[in-house]
Amino acid sequence: METFITLCGSRVRLRPWRVEDREAFAAMNSDPRVMEFFRSPLTRADSDAMADRIERHFDEHGFGLWAIEVPGLAPFIGFAGLIWARFSAHFTPAVEIGWRVAFEHWRHGYATEAARLALDFGFEILALDEVVSFTAADNLRSRAVMERLGMRRDPAEDFDYPGFPQSHPLRRHVLYRIGSGRYPADAVSP
Protein backbone atom coordinates (compact mmCIF):
# COMPACT_ATOMS: atom_id res chain seq x y z
CA MET A 1 0.00 0.00 0.00
CA GLU A 2 2.89 2.41 0.54
CA THR A 3 3.14 3.08 -3.23
CA PHE A 4 -0.20 4.92 -3.23
CA ILE A 5 -0.45 8.67 -2.90
CA THR A 6 -0.89 10.52 0.40
CA LEU A 7 -3.17 13.57 0.44
CA CYS A 8 -2.37 16.35 2.90
CA GLY A 9 -4.69 19.04 4.22
CA SER A 10 -4.17 21.73 6.82
CA ARG A 11 -5.06 19.36 9.70
CA VAL A 12 -5.51 15.86 8.27
CA ARG A 13 -3.53 13.47 6.14
CA LEU A 14 -5.13 10.77 3.99
CA ARG A 15 -2.58 8.01 3.74
CA PRO A 16 -2.25 4.35 2.83
CA TRP A 17 -3.34 1.87 5.48
CA ARG A 18 -0.88 0.26 7.88
CA VAL A 19 -1.22 -3.04 9.69
CA GLU A 20 -1.28 -1.21 13.01
CA ASP A 21 -4.44 0.70 11.91
CA ARG A 22 -6.55 -2.43 12.15
CA GLU A 23 -6.90 -2.40 15.93
CA ALA A 24 -8.19 1.19 16.02
CA PHE A 25 -10.35 0.45 12.96
CA ALA A 26 -11.94 -2.52 14.73
CA ALA A 27 -12.57 -0.43 17.86
CA MET A 28 -14.25 2.27 15.75
CA ASN A 29 -16.35 -0.30 13.86
CA SER A 30 -17.54 -1.89 17.10
CA ASP A 31 -18.77 1.42 18.54
CA PRO A 32 -22.60 1.57 18.35
CA ARG A 33 -22.48 5.39 18.11
CA VAL A 34 -20.29 5.25 14.99
CA MET A 35 -22.31 2.39 13.50
CA GLU A 36 -25.76 3.82 14.30
CA PHE A 37 -26.80 3.99 10.64
CA PHE A 38 -25.41 0.61 9.59
CA ARG A 39 -26.91 -2.84 10.08
CA SER A 40 -24.88 -3.43 13.22
CA PRO A 41 -21.46 -2.85 14.76
CA LEU A 42 -18.74 -5.04 13.23
CA THR A 43 -16.89 -7.89 14.87
CA ARG A 44 -13.10 -7.87 14.66
CA ALA A 45 -13.26 -10.46 11.87
CA ASP A 46 -15.78 -8.36 9.91
CA SER A 47 -13.69 -5.23 10.43
CA ASP A 48 -10.54 -7.00 9.19
CA ALA A 49 -12.49 -8.29 6.16
CA MET A 50 -13.54 -4.71 5.40
CA ALA A 51 -9.93 -3.53 5.66
CA ASP A 52 -8.98 -6.30 3.22
CA ARG A 53 -11.65 -5.08 0.77
CA ILE A 54 -10.38 -1.50 1.11
CA GLU A 55 -6.84 -2.63 0.28
CA ARG A 56 -8.07 -4.67 -2.71
CA HIS A 57 -9.92 -1.62 -4.05
CA PHE A 58 -6.66 0.39 -3.95
CA ASP A 59 -4.83 -2.45 -5.71
CA GLU A 60 -7.49 -2.71 -8.43
CA HIS A 61 -8.25 1.00 -9.00
CA GLY A 62 -5.36 3.06 -7.60
CA PHE A 63 -7.68 4.92 -5.24
CA GLY A 64 -10.00 4.07 -2.40
CA LEU A 65 -10.73 4.79 1.23
CA TRP A 66 -7.59 6.28 2.76
CA ALA A 67 -6.76 6.10 6.46
CA ILE A 68 -7.19 9.50 8.14
CA GLU A 69 -4.34 10.67 10.34
CA VAL A 70 -4.23 13.88 12.38
CA PRO A 71 -0.49 14.58 12.62
CA GLY A 72 0.65 15.31 16.14
CA LEU A 73 -2.70 14.17 17.58
CA ALA A 74 -3.70 10.71 16.35
CA PRO A 75 -2.16 8.27 13.88
CA PHE A 76 -5.59 6.89 12.87
CA ILE A 77 -9.05 8.41 13.37
CA GLY A 78 -11.01 6.74 10.56
CA PHE A 79 -11.20 6.71 6.79
CA ALA A 80 -12.31 8.88 3.88
CA GLY A 81 -12.09 8.50 0.14
CA LEU A 82 -13.59 7.28 -3.07
CA ILE A 83 -14.89 3.83 -3.99
CA TRP A 84 -16.89 2.27 -6.77
CA ALA A 85 -20.54 1.67 -5.84
CA ARG A 86 -21.58 -1.27 -7.97
CA PHE A 87 -24.76 -2.56 -6.39
CA SER A 88 -27.91 -2.33 -8.48
CA ALA A 89 -29.52 1.13 -8.33
CA HIS A 90 -30.63 3.77 -10.81
CA PHE A 91 -27.33 5.69 -10.41
CA THR A 92 -24.80 2.82 -10.38
CA PRO A 93 -22.10 2.10 -11.24
CA ALA A 94 -20.79 5.34 -9.75
CA VAL A 95 -17.86 6.59 -7.72
CA GLU A 96 -18.98 7.21 -4.15
CA ILE A 97 -17.32 9.40 -1.56
CA GLY A 98 -17.46 8.03 1.96
CA TRP A 99 -16.02 8.55 5.43
CA ARG A 100 -16.15 7.14 8.93
CA VAL A 101 -14.56 8.81 11.96
CA ALA A 102 -14.08 7.49 15.50
CA PHE A 103 -16.52 9.05 17.96
CA GLU A 104 -13.87 10.86 20.01
CA HIS A 105 -12.91 12.82 16.87
CA TRP A 106 -16.41 13.96 15.89
CA ARG A 107 -17.32 17.65 15.74
CA HIS A 108 -13.89 18.87 14.69
CA GLY A 109 -14.51 19.09 10.93
CA TYR A 110 -12.11 16.23 10.16
CA ALA A 111 -14.61 14.32 7.99
CA THR A 112 -15.33 17.40 5.89
CA GLU A 113 -11.66 18.28 5.45
CA ALA A 114 -10.76 14.70 4.56
CA ALA A 115 -13.67 14.40 2.12
CA ARG A 116 -12.62 17.64 0.40
CA LEU A 117 -9.15 16.18 -0.15
CA ALA A 118 -10.74 13.08 -1.68
CA LEU A 119 -13.02 15.17 -3.94
CA ASP A 120 -10.03 17.25 -5.09
CA PHE A 121 -8.24 14.03 -5.99
CA GLY A 122 -11.31 12.66 -7.77
CA PHE A 123 -11.91 15.71 -9.90
CA GLU A 124 -8.34 16.94 -10.45
CA ILE A 125 -6.37 13.67 -10.70
CA LEU A 126 -8.93 11.04 -11.71
CA ALA A 127 -10.87 13.53 -13.89
CA LEU A 128 -14.21 12.20 -12.68
CA ASP A 129 -17.33 13.86 -14.04
CA GLU A 130 -19.40 13.19 -10.93
CA VAL A 131 -19.19 11.79 -7.41
CA VAL A 132 -22.15 10.53 -5.37
CA SER A 133 -22.76 9.92 -1.70
CA PHE A 134 -25.64 8.26 0.06
CA THR A 135 -26.73 7.39 3.56
CA ALA A 136 -29.76 6.39 5.59
CA ALA A 137 -32.33 9.20 5.46
CA ASP A 138 -32.05 9.85 9.22
CA ASN A 139 -28.26 10.22 9.22
CA LEU A 140 -28.24 13.99 9.60
CA ARG A 141 -24.53 14.19 10.51
CA SER A 142 -23.38 12.61 7.25
CA ARG A 143 -25.94 14.58 5.27
CA ALA A 144 -24.52 17.79 6.78
CA VAL A 145 -21.03 16.82 5.58
CA MET A 146 -22.42 16.17 2.09
CA GLU A 147 -24.04 19.59 2.05
CA ARG A 148 -20.86 21.31 3.32
CA LEU A 149 -19.07 19.69 0.38
CA GLY A 150 -21.53 21.33 -2.01
CA MET A 151 -23.32 18.09 -2.85
CA ARG A 152 -26.99 18.35 -3.80
CA ARG A 153 -29.95 16.07 -3.22
CA ASP A 154 -32.99 15.53 -5.41
CA PRO A 155 -35.62 13.76 -3.25
CA ALA A 156 -36.92 12.02 -6.38
CA GLU A 157 -33.64 10.06 -6.44
CA ASP A 158 -33.90 8.64 -2.92
CA PHE A 159 -33.80 4.85 -2.99
CA ASP A 160 -34.06 1.66 -0.98
CA TYR A 161 -30.57 0.38 -0.25
CA PRO A 162 -30.39 -3.28 -1.30
CA GLY A 163 -28.17 -4.21 1.67
CA PHE A 164 -31.10 -3.87 4.08
CA PRO A 165 -34.18 -6.12 4.25
CA GLN A 166 -37.51 -4.70 3.02
CA SER A 167 -38.82 -3.86 6.48
CA HIS A 168 -35.59 -2.47 7.95
CA PRO A 169 -35.97 1.12 9.24
CA LEU A 170 -32.64 2.16 7.64
CA ARG A 171 -33.46 0.83 4.16
CA ARG A 172 -34.51 4.23 2.76
CA HIS A 173 -31.44 6.17 1.62
CA VAL A 174 -30.89 9.67 0.31
CA LEU A 175 -28.63 10.29 -2.67
CA TYR A 176 -26.40 13.34 -3.04
CA ARG A 177 -24.40 14.25 -6.14
CA ILE A 178 -21.71 16.70 -7.16
CA GLY A 179 -20.32 17.26 -10.64
CA SER A 180 -16.84 18.40 -11.53
CA GLY A 181 -18.23 21.68 -12.86
CA ARG A 182 -19.83 22.53 -9.51
CA TYR A 183 -16.88 21.71 -7.28
CA PRO A 184 -15.45 23.54 -5.35
CA ALA A 185 -17.60 26.57 -6.15
CA ASP A 186 -20.58 25.20 -4.19
CA ALA A 187 -18.58 24.00 -1.19
CA VAL A 188 -19.10 25.86 2.04
CA SER A 189 -17.06 26.08 5.20
CA PRO A 190 -17.34 23.36 7.89
C-alpha atoms as a PDB file:
ATOM      1  CA  MET A   1       0.000   0.000   0.000  1.00  0.00           C
ATOM      2  CA  GLU A   2       2.892   2.407   0.538  1.00  0.00           C
ATOM      3  CA  THR A   3       3.143   3.085  -3.226  1.00  0.00           C
ATOM      4  CA  PHE A   4      -0.201   4.920  -3.232  1.00  0.00           C
ATOM      5  CA  ILE A   5      -0.448   8.673  -2.901  1.00  0.00           C
ATOM      6  CA  THR A   6      -0.891  10.517   0.395  1.00  0.00           C
ATOM      7  CA  LEU A   7      -3.172  13.565   0.436  1.00  0.00           C
ATOM      8  CA  CYS A   8      -2.369  16.355   2.900  1.00  0.00           C
ATOM      9  CA  GLY A   9      -4.694  19.039   4.218  1.00  0.00           C
ATOM     10  CA  SER A  10      -4.167  21.727   6.823  1.00  0.00           C
ATOM     11  CA  ARG A  11      -5.059  19.362   9.700  1.00  0.00           C
ATOM     12  CA  VAL A  12      -5.509  15.860   8.274  1.00  0.00           C
ATOM     13  CA  ARG A  13      -3.529  13.472   6.144  1.00  0.00           C
ATOM     14  CA  LEU A  14      -5.135  10.768   3.987  1.00  0.00           C
ATOM     15  CA  ARG A  15      -2.577   8.013   3.740  1.00  0.00           C
ATOM     16  CA  PRO A  16      -2.247   4.352   2.830  1.00  0.00           C
ATOM     17  CA  TRP A  17      -3.341   1.869   5.482  1.00  0.00           C
ATOM     18  CA  ARG A  18      -0.877   0.264   7.884  1.00  0.00           C
ATOM     19  CA  VAL A  19      -1.222  -3.042   9.688  1.00  0.00           C
ATOM     20  CA  GLU A  20      -1.282  -1.210  13.010  1.00  0.00           C
ATOM     21  CA  ASP A  21      -4.437   0.703  11.911  1.00  0.00           C
ATOM     22  CA  ARG A  22      -6.548  -2.431  12.151  1.00  0.00           C
ATOM     23  CA  GLU A  23      -6.904  -2.404  15.927  1.00  0.00           C
ATOM     24  CA  ALA A  24      -8.186   1.191  16.020  1.00  0.00           C
ATOM     25  CA  PHE A  25     -10.349   0.451  12.958  1.00  0.00           C
ATOM     26  CA  ALA A  26     -11.943  -2.521  14.730  1.00  0.00           C
ATOM     27  CA  ALA A  27     -12.565  -0.430  17.857  1.00  0.00           C
ATOM     28  CA  MET A  28     -14.247   2.269  15.754  1.00  0.00           C
ATOM     29  CA  ASN A  29     -16.349  -0.297  13.859  1.00  0.00           C
ATOM     30  CA  SER A  30     -17.541  -1.893  17.104  1.00  0.00           C
ATOM     31  CA  ASP A  31     -18.771   1.422  18.545  1.00  0.00           C
ATOM     32  CA  PRO A  32     -22.598   1.571  18.350  1.00  0.00           C
ATOM     33  CA  ARG A  33     -22.476   5.394  18.105  1.00  0.00           C
ATOM     34  CA  VAL A  34     -20.291   5.248  14.993  1.00  0.00           C
ATOM     35  CA  MET A  35     -22.313   2.392  13.501  1.00  0.00           C
ATOM     36  CA  GLU A  36     -25.761   3.816  14.304  1.00  0.00           C
ATOM     37  CA  PHE A  37     -26.803   3.986  10.639  1.00  0.00           C
ATOM     38  CA  PHE A  38     -25.409   0.610   9.593  1.00  0.00           C
ATOM     39  CA  ARG A  39     -26.911  -2.842  10.078  1.00  0.00           C
ATOM     40  CA  SER A  40     -24.881  -3.428  13.225  1.00  0.00           C
ATOM     41  CA  PRO A  41     -21.455  -2.854  14.760  1.00  0.00           C
ATOM     42  CA  LEU A  42     -18.742  -5.037  13.227  1.00  0.00           C
ATOM     43  CA  THR A  43     -16.891  -7.888  14.865  1.00  0.00           C
ATOM     44  CA  ARG A  44     -13.095  -7.871  14.663  1.00  0.00           C
ATOM     45  CA  ALA A  45     -13.264 -10.460  11.866  1.00  0.00           C
ATOM     46  CA  ASP A  46     -15.780  -8.358   9.908  1.00  0.00           C
ATOM     47  CA  SER A  47     -13.688  -5.234  10.431  1.00  0.00           C
ATOM     48  CA  ASP A  48     -10.536  -7.004   9.192  1.00  0.00           C
ATOM     49  CA  ALA A  49     -12.488  -8.288   6.159  1.00  0.00           C
ATOM     50  CA  MET A  50     -13.545  -4.711   5.401  1.00  0.00           C
ATOM     51  CA  ALA A  51      -9.929  -3.531   5.662  1.00  0.00           C
ATOM     52  CA  ASP A  52      -8.981  -6.303   3.218  1.00  0.00           C
ATOM     53  CA  ARG A  53     -11.653  -5.081   0.765  1.00  0.00           C
ATOM     54  CA  ILE A  54     -10.382  -1.497   1.112  1.00  0.00           C
ATOM     55  CA  GLU A  55      -6.840  -2.626   0.281  1.00  0.00           C
ATOM     56  CA  ARG A  56      -8.073  -4.669  -2.707  1.00  0.00           C
ATOM     57  CA  HIS A  57      -9.924  -1.616  -4.053  1.00  0.00           C
ATOM     58  CA  PHE A  58      -6.663   0.391  -3.952  1.00  0.00           C
ATOM     59  CA  ASP A  59      -4.833  -2.452  -5.712  1.00  0.00           C
ATOM     60  CA  GLU A  60      -7.488  -2.706  -8.433  1.00  0.00           C
ATOM     61  CA  HIS A  61      -8.252   0.999  -9.002  1.00  0.00           C
ATOM     62  CA  GLY A  62      -5.358   3.062  -7.603  1.00  0.00           C
ATOM     63  CA  PHE A  63      -7.679   4.925  -5.236  1.00  0.00           C
ATOM     64  CA  GLY A  64     -10.001   4.070  -2.397  1.00  0.00           C
ATOM     65  CA  LEU A  65     -10.731   4.795   1.234  1.00  0.00           C
ATOM     66  CA  TRP A  66      -7.589   6.278   2.756  1.00  0.00           C
ATOM     67  CA  ALA A  67      -6.758   6.097   6.458  1.00  0.00           C
ATOM     68  CA  ILE A  68      -7.186   9.504   8.140  1.00  0.00           C
ATOM     69  CA  GLU A  69      -4.340  10.673  10.339  1.00  0.00           C
ATOM     70  CA  VAL A  70      -4.234  13.882  12.377  1.00  0.00           C
ATOM     71  CA  PRO A  71      -0.489  14.578  12.621  1.00  0.00           C
ATOM     72  CA  GLY A  72       0.649  15.308  16.143  1.00  0.00           C
ATOM     73  CA  LEU A  73      -2.698  14.166  17.580  1.00  0.00           C
ATOM     74  CA  ALA A  74      -3.701  10.708  16.348  1.00  0.00           C
ATOM     75  CA  PRO A  75      -2.159   8.268  13.880  1.00  0.00           C
ATOM     76  CA  PHE A  76      -5.593   6.885  12.869  1.00  0.00           C
ATOM     77  CA  ILE A  77      -9.048   8.412  13.368  1.00  0.00           C
ATOM     78  CA  GLY A  78     -11.005   6.743  10.561  1.00  0.00           C
ATOM     79  CA  PHE A  79     -11.196   6.711   6.789  1.00  0.00           C
ATOM     80  CA  ALA A  80     -12.308   8.877   3.879  1.00  0.00           C
ATOM     81  CA  GLY A  81     -12.090   8.499   0.144  1.00  0.00           C
ATOM     82  CA  LEU A  82     -13.593   7.279  -3.070  1.00  0.00           C
ATOM     83  CA  ILE A  83     -14.890   3.833  -3.985  1.00  0.00           C
ATOM     84  CA  TRP A  84     -16.894   2.273  -6.772  1.00  0.00           C
ATOM     85  CA  ALA A  85     -20.535   1.673  -5.839  1.00  0.00           C
ATOM     86  CA  ARG A  86     -21.581  -1.268  -7.974  1.00  0.00           C
ATOM     87  CA  PHE A  87     -24.756  -2.558  -6.386  1.00  0.00           C
ATOM     88  CA  SER A  88     -27.912  -2.327  -8.483  1.00  0.00           C
ATOM     89  CA  ALA A  89     -29.517   1.127  -8.327  1.00  0.00           C
ATOM     90  CA  HIS A  90     -30.629   3.775 -10.808  1.00  0.00           C
ATOM     91  CA  PHE A  91     -27.330   5.686 -10.406  1.00  0.00           C
ATOM     92  CA  THR A  92     -24.798   2.817 -10.376  1.00  0.00           C
ATOM     93  CA  PRO A  93     -22.100   2.104 -11.235  1.00  0.00           C
ATOM     94  CA  ALA A  94     -20.792   5.337  -9.750  1.00  0.00           C
ATOM     95  CA  VAL A  95     -17.859   6.592  -7.716  1.00  0.00           C
ATOM     96  CA  GLU A  96     -18.983   7.210  -4.148  1.00  0.00           C
ATOM     97  CA  ILE A  97     -17.318   9.399  -1.559  1.00  0.00           C
ATOM     98  CA  GLY A  98     -17.460   8.031   1.964  1.00  0.00           C
ATOM     99  CA  TRP A  99     -16.023   8.551   5.426  1.00  0.00           C
ATOM    100  CA  ARG A 100     -16.153   7.144   8.931  1.00  0.00           C
ATOM    101  CA  VAL A 101     -14.560   8.810  11.958  1.00  0.00           C
ATOM    102  CA  ALA A 102     -14.082   7.494  15.497  1.00  0.00           C
ATOM    103  CA  PHE A 103     -16.523   9.053  17.963  1.00  0.00           C
ATOM    104  CA  GLU A 104     -13.873  10.863  20.014  1.00  0.00           C
ATOM    105  CA  HIS A 105     -12.905  12.816  16.869  1.00  0.00           C
ATOM    106  CA  TRP A 106     -16.408  13.964  15.886  1.00  0.00           C
ATOM    107  CA  ARG A 107     -17.325  17.647  15.743  1.00  0.00           C
ATOM    108  CA  HIS A 108     -13.889  18.871  14.693  1.00  0.00           C
ATOM    109  CA  GLY A 109     -14.508  19.089  10.933  1.00  0.00           C
ATOM    110  CA  TYR A 110     -12.112  16.235  10.164  1.00  0.00           C
ATOM    111  CA  ALA A 111     -14.612  14.322   7.992  1.00  0.00           C
ATOM    112  CA  THR A 112     -15.334  17.402   5.894  1.00  0.00           C
ATOM    113  CA  GLU A 113     -11.655  18.283   5.447  1.00  0.00           C
ATOM    114  CA  ALA A 114     -10.763  14.699   4.560  1.00  0.00           C
ATOM    115  CA  ALA A 115     -13.670  14.404   2.119  1.00  0.00           C
ATOM    116  CA  ARG A 116     -12.616  17.641   0.396  1.00  0.00           C
ATOM    117  CA  LEU A 117      -9.146  16.177  -0.151  1.00  0.00           C
ATOM    118  CA  ALA A 118     -10.743  13.077  -1.681  1.00  0.00           C
ATOM    119  CA  LEU A 119     -13.016  15.174  -3.939  1.00  0.00           C
ATOM    120  CA  ASP A 120     -10.032  17.247  -5.087  1.00  0.00           C
ATOM    121  CA  PHE A 121      -8.245  14.029  -5.992  1.00  0.00           C
ATOM    122  CA  GLY A 122     -11.310  12.658  -7.767  1.00  0.00           C
ATOM    123  CA  PHE A 123     -11.908  15.712  -9.905  1.00  0.00           C
ATOM    124  CA  GLU A 124      -8.338  16.938 -10.446  1.00  0.00           C
ATOM    125  CA  ILE A 125      -6.366  13.672 -10.701  1.00  0.00           C
ATOM    126  CA  LEU A 126      -8.934  11.043 -11.705  1.00  0.00           C
ATOM    127  CA  ALA A 127     -10.866  13.526 -13.892  1.00  0.00           C
ATOM    128  CA  LEU A 128     -14.214  12.200 -12.680  1.00  0.00           C
ATOM    129  CA  ASP A 129     -17.331  13.865 -14.038  1.00  0.00           C
ATOM    130  CA  GLU A 130     -19.401  13.191 -10.933  1.00  0.00           C
ATOM    131  CA  VAL A 131     -19.190  11.790  -7.407  1.00  0.00           C
ATOM    132  CA  VAL A 132     -22.148  10.528  -5.373  1.00  0.00           C
ATOM    133  CA  SER A 133     -22.756   9.918  -1.703  1.00  0.00           C
ATOM    134  CA  PHE A 134     -25.642   8.257   0.064  1.00  0.00           C
ATOM    135  CA  THR A 135     -26.733   7.390   3.563  1.00  0.00           C
ATOM    136  CA  ALA A 136     -29.761   6.395   5.589  1.00  0.00           C
ATOM    137  CA  ALA A 137     -32.326   9.198   5.455  1.00  0.00           C
ATOM    138  CA  ASP A 138     -32.049   9.845   9.217  1.00  0.00           C
ATOM    139  CA  ASN A 139     -28.257  10.215   9.223  1.00  0.00           C
ATOM    140  CA  LEU A 140     -28.242  13.987   9.597  1.00  0.00           C
ATOM    141  CA  ARG A 141     -24.532  14.191  10.512  1.00  0.00           C
ATOM    142  CA  SER A 142     -23.377  12.611   7.246  1.00  0.00           C
ATOM    143  CA  ARG A 143     -25.939  14.577   5.272  1.00  0.00           C
ATOM    144  CA  ALA A 144     -24.524  17.791   6.782  1.00  0.00           C
ATOM    145  CA  VAL A 145     -21.031  16.817   5.575  1.00  0.00           C
ATOM    146  CA  MET A 146     -22.422  16.171   2.085  1.00  0.00           C
ATOM    147  CA  GLU A 147     -24.040  19.594   2.051  1.00  0.00           C
ATOM    148  CA  ARG A 148     -20.861  21.313   3.316  1.00  0.00           C
ATOM    149  CA  LEU A 149     -19.068  19.690   0.377  1.00  0.00           C
ATOM    150  CA  GLY A 150     -21.530  21.331  -2.008  1.00  0.00           C
ATOM    151  CA  MET A 151     -23.317  18.091  -2.849  1.00  0.00           C
ATOM    152  CA  ARG A 152     -26.986  18.352  -3.803  1.00  0.00           C
ATOM    153  CA  ARG A 153     -29.949  16.066  -3.222  1.00  0.00           C
ATOM    154  CA  ASP A 154     -32.989  15.532  -5.411  1.00  0.00           C
ATOM    155  CA  PRO A 155     -35.622  13.760  -3.248  1.00  0.00           C
ATOM    156  CA  ALA A 156     -36.916  12.017  -6.384  1.00  0.00           C
ATOM    157  CA  GLU A 157     -33.636  10.055  -6.444  1.00  0.00           C
ATOM    158  CA  ASP A 158     -33.896   8.644  -2.918  1.00  0.00           C
ATOM    159  CA  PHE A 159     -33.802   4.849  -2.990  1.00  0.00           C
ATOM    160  CA  ASP A 160     -34.063   1.662  -0.981  1.00  0.00           C
ATOM    161  CA  TYR A 161     -30.566   0.380  -0.253  1.00  0.00           C
ATOM    162  CA  PRO A 162     -30.393  -3.283  -1.296  1.00  0.00           C
ATOM    163  CA  GLY A 163     -28.171  -4.209   1.672  1.00  0.00           C
ATOM    164  CA  PHE A 164     -31.102  -3.873   4.076  1.00  0.00           C
ATOM    165  CA  PRO A 165     -34.176  -6.124   4.254  1.00  0.00           C
ATOM    166  CA  GLN A 166     -37.508  -4.704   3.018  1.00  0.00           C
ATOM    167  CA  SER A 167     -38.822  -3.864   6.480  1.00  0.00           C
ATOM    168  CA  HIS A 168     -35.591  -2.469   7.952  1.00  0.00           C
ATOM    169  CA  PRO A 169     -35.970   1.119   9.240  1.00  0.00           C
ATOM    170  CA  LEU A 170     -32.641   2.161   7.638  1.00  0.00           C
ATOM    171  CA  ARG A 171     -33.459   0.825   4.160  1.00  0.00           C
ATOM    172  CA  ARG A 172     -34.510   4.233   2.760  1.00  0.00           C
ATOM    173  CA  HIS A 173     -31.436   6.167   1.624  1.00  0.00           C
ATOM    174  CA  VAL A 174     -30.887   9.669   0.314  1.00  0.00           C
ATOM    175  CA  LEU A 175     -28.626  10.291  -2.671  1.00  0.00           C
ATOM    176  CA  TYR A 176     -26.397  13.343  -3.045  1.00  0.00           C
ATOM    177  CA  ARG A 177     -24.401  14.246  -6.145  1.00  0.00           C
ATOM    178  CA  ILE A 178     -21.710  16.704  -7.158  1.00  0.00           C
ATOM    179  CA  GLY A 179     -20.316  17.257 -10.636  1.00  0.00           C
ATOM    180  CA  SER A 180     -16.838  18.400 -11.525  1.00  0.00           C
ATOM    181  CA  GLY A 181     -18.230  21.676 -12.859  1.00  0.00           C
ATOM    182  CA  ARG A 182     -19.828  22.531  -9.512  1.00  0.00           C
ATOM    183  CA  TYR A 183     -16.877  21.714  -7.280  1.00  0.00           C
ATOM    184  CA  PRO A 184     -15.445  23.538  -5.347  1.00  0.00           C
ATOM    185  CA  ALA A 185     -17.605  26.572  -6.154  1.00  0.00           C
ATOM    186  CA  ASP A 186     -20.579  25.202  -4.192  1.00  0.00           C
ATOM    187  CA  ALA A 187     -18.580  23.997  -1.194  1.00  0.00           C
ATOM    188  CA  VAL A 188     -19.100  25.861   2.037  1.00  0.00           C
ATOM    189  CA  SER A 189     -17.055  26.079   5.203  1.00  0.00           C
ATOM    190  CA  PRO A 190     -17.340  23.357   7.886  1.00  0.00           C
END
